[in-house]
C-alpha atoms as a PDB file:
ATOM      1  CA  PRO A   1      20.134 -30.926 -10.993  1.00  0.00           C
ATOM      2  CA  PRO A   2      21.398 -29.060  -7.923  1.00  0.00           C
ATOM      3  CA  SER A   3      22.376 -26.115  -9.482  1.00  0.00           C
ATOM      4  CA  PRO A   4      18.701 -25.152 -10.584  1.00  0.00           C
ATOM      5  CA  ALA A   5      17.328 -25.195  -7.402  1.00  0.00           C
ATOM      6  CA  ALA A   6      20.343 -22.915  -6.274  1.00  0.00           C
ATOM      7  CA  THR A   7      19.897 -20.262  -8.212  1.00  0.00           C
ATOM      8  CA  SER A   8      15.779 -20.713  -7.737  1.00  0.00           C
ATOM      9  CA  VAL A   9      15.949 -20.507  -4.021  1.00  0.00           C
ATOM     10  CA  PRO A  10      17.034 -16.414  -3.692  1.00  0.00           C
ATOM     11  CA  SER A  11      14.814 -15.304  -6.417  1.00  0.00           C
ATOM     12  CA  PRO A  12      11.574 -15.571  -3.897  1.00  0.00           C
ATOM     13  CA  SER A  13      13.243 -14.504  -0.845  1.00  0.00           C
ATOM     14  CA  GLY A  14      14.105 -11.643  -2.609  1.00  0.00           C
ATOM     15  CA  SER A  15      10.905 -10.911  -3.994  1.00  0.00           C
ATOM     16  CA  VAL A  16       9.738 -11.217  -0.544  1.00  0.00           C
ATOM     17  CA  PRO A  17      10.818  -7.522   0.584  1.00  0.00           C
ATOM     18  CA  GLY A  18       9.404  -5.808  -2.997  1.00  0.00           C
ATOM     19  CA  ALA A  19       6.061  -7.230  -2.281  1.00  0.00           C
ATOM     20  CA  ALA A  20       6.543  -6.188   1.753  1.00  0.00           C
ATOM     21  CA  ALA A  21       7.729  -2.765   0.657  1.00  0.00           C
ATOM     22  CA  PRO A  22       4.223  -1.245  -1.104  1.00  0.00           C
ATOM     23  CA  PHE A  23       2.266  -1.852   2.672  1.00  0.00           C
ATOM     24  CA  ARG A  24       5.150   0.838   4.435  1.00  0.00           C
ATOM     25  CA  PRO A  25       4.033   3.921   2.654  1.00  0.00           C
ATOM     26  CA  LEU A  26       0.186   2.724   2.972  1.00  0.00           C
ATOM     27  CA  PHE A  27       0.470   2.793   6.845  1.00  0.00           C
ATOM     28  CA  ASN A  28       2.432   6.135   6.873  1.00  0.00           C
ATOM     29  CA  ASP A  29      -0.564   7.769   5.051  1.00  0.00           C
ATOM     30  CA  PHE A  30      -2.730   6.174   6.960  1.00  0.00           C
ATOM     31  CA  GLY A  31      -2.296   8.687   9.537  1.00  0.00           C
ATOM     32  CA  PRO A  32      -3.420  11.795   8.398  1.00  0.00           C
ATOM     33  CA  PRO A  33      -5.984  11.281   5.873  1.00  0.00           C
ATOM     34  CA  SER A  34      -7.577   9.853   9.075  1.00  0.00           C
ATOM     35  CA  MET A  35      -7.295  13.088  10.999  1.00  0.00           C
ATOM     36  CA  GLY A  36      -9.183  15.061   8.596  1.00  0.00           C
ATOM     37  CA  TYR A  37     -11.489  12.916   8.100  1.00  0.00           C
ATOM     38  CA  VAL A  38     -12.331  13.722  11.881  1.00  0.00           C
ATOM     39  CA  GLN A  39     -12.196  17.425  10.853  1.00  0.00           C
ATOM     40  CA  ALA A  40     -14.178  17.596   7.877  1.00  0.00           C
ATOM     41  CA  MET A  41     -17.038  15.652  10.297  1.00  0.00           C
ATOM     42  CA  LYS A  42     -17.150  18.181  12.723  1.00  0.00           C
ATOM     43  CA  PRO A  43     -19.690  20.970  12.249  1.00  0.00           C
ATOM     44  CA  PRO A  44     -17.657  24.285  11.398  1.00  0.00           C
ATOM     45  CA  GLY A  45     -18.361  26.239  14.906  1.00  0.00           C
ATOM     46  CA  ALA A  46     -16.894  23.409  16.262  1.00  0.00           C
ATOM     47  CA  GLN A  47     -12.707  24.388  16.035  1.00  0.00           C
ATOM     48  CA  GLY A  48     -10.422  23.890  17.987  1.00  0.00           C
ATOM     49  CA  SER A  49      -8.702  21.210  19.831  1.00  0.00           C
ATOM     50  CA  GLN A  50     -11.168  20.359  22.983  1.00  0.00           C
ATOM     51  CA  SER A  51     -13.872  19.708  21.104  1.00  0.00           C
ATOM     52  CA  THR A  52     -11.652  17.538  18.190  1.00  0.00           C
ATOM     53  CA  TYR A  53     -10.516  15.591  21.738  1.00  0.00           C
ATOM     54  CA  THR A  54     -13.990  14.792  22.589  1.00  0.00           C
ATOM     55  CA  ASP A  55     -14.957  14.092  19.664  1.00  0.00           C
ATOM     56  CA  LEU A  56     -11.794  11.706  19.555  1.00  0.00           C
ATOM     57  CA  LEU A  57     -13.059  10.128  23.113  1.00  0.00           C
ATOM     58  CA  SER A  58     -16.586   9.890  21.548  1.00  0.00           C
ATOM     59  CA  VAL A  59     -15.064   7.790  18.982  1.00  0.00           C
ATOM     60  CA  ILE A  60     -12.762   5.573  20.655  1.00  0.00           C
ATOM     61  CA  GLU A  61     -15.405   4.645  23.334  1.00  0.00           C
ATOM     62  CA  GLU A  62     -18.039   3.073  19.969  1.00  0.00           C
ATOM     63  CA  MET A  63     -14.914   1.572  18.616  1.00  0.00           C
ATOM     64  CA  GLY A  64     -14.582  -0.071  22.254  1.00  0.00           C
ATOM     65  CA  LYS A  65     -17.816  -0.800  22.142  1.00  0.00           C
ATOM     66  CA  GLU A  66     -17.914  -3.127  19.325  1.00  0.00           C
ATOM     67  CA  ILE A  67     -14.323  -4.615  19.492  1.00  0.00           C
ATOM     68  CA  ARG A  68     -14.007  -6.090  23.029  1.00  0.00           C
ATOM     69  CA  PRO A  69     -16.130  -8.461  23.338  1.00  0.00           C
ATOM     70  CA  THR A  70     -14.475 -10.348  20.493  1.00  0.00           C
ATOM     71  CA  TYR A  71     -11.065 -11.128  22.458  1.00  0.00           C
ATOM     72  CA  ALA A  72     -13.368 -13.399  24.650  1.00  0.00           C
ATOM     73  CA  GLY A  73     -12.816 -15.407  21.982  1.00  0.00           C
ATOM     74  CA  SER A  74     -15.941 -16.990  24.154  1.00  0.00           C
ATOM     75  CA  LYS A  75     -19.009 -17.785  22.389  1.00  0.00           C
ATOM     76  CA  SER A  76     -22.086 -15.646  24.189  1.00  0.00           C
ATOM     77  CA  ALA A  77     -19.435 -12.425  22.706  1.00  0.00           C
ATOM     78  CA  MET A  78     -19.502 -14.176  19.093  1.00  0.00           C
ATOM     79  CA  GLU A  79     -23.933 -14.404  19.722  1.00  0.00           C
ATOM     80  CA  ARG A  80     -23.965 -10.457  21.292  1.00  0.00           C
ATOM     81  CA  LEU A  81     -21.738  -9.379  17.998  1.00  0.00           C
ATOM     82  CA  LYS A  82     -23.957 -11.014  15.882  1.00  0.00           C
ATOM     83  CA  ARG A  83     -27.055  -9.930  17.509  1.00  0.00           C
ATOM     84  CA  GLY A  84     -26.038  -6.183  17.381  1.00  0.00           C
END
């Protein structure tokens, strides 16, 4: 009885790195497509690093407004999120 249990233990642990591996390319590929998305949203006339920088700042500010209340974990923050 003990020997089958010993042989079955390595197989789940061996499958964990294989299961985690597909996520790594997903996160590595996440950067460039998002940058292309920001450039695609820009009007054709607004080329240049400064406009991209200001666009990113405005996007980050909007994200902060939605994300910040969730960090408090208080009921008032949850009600604020539900109200929108």
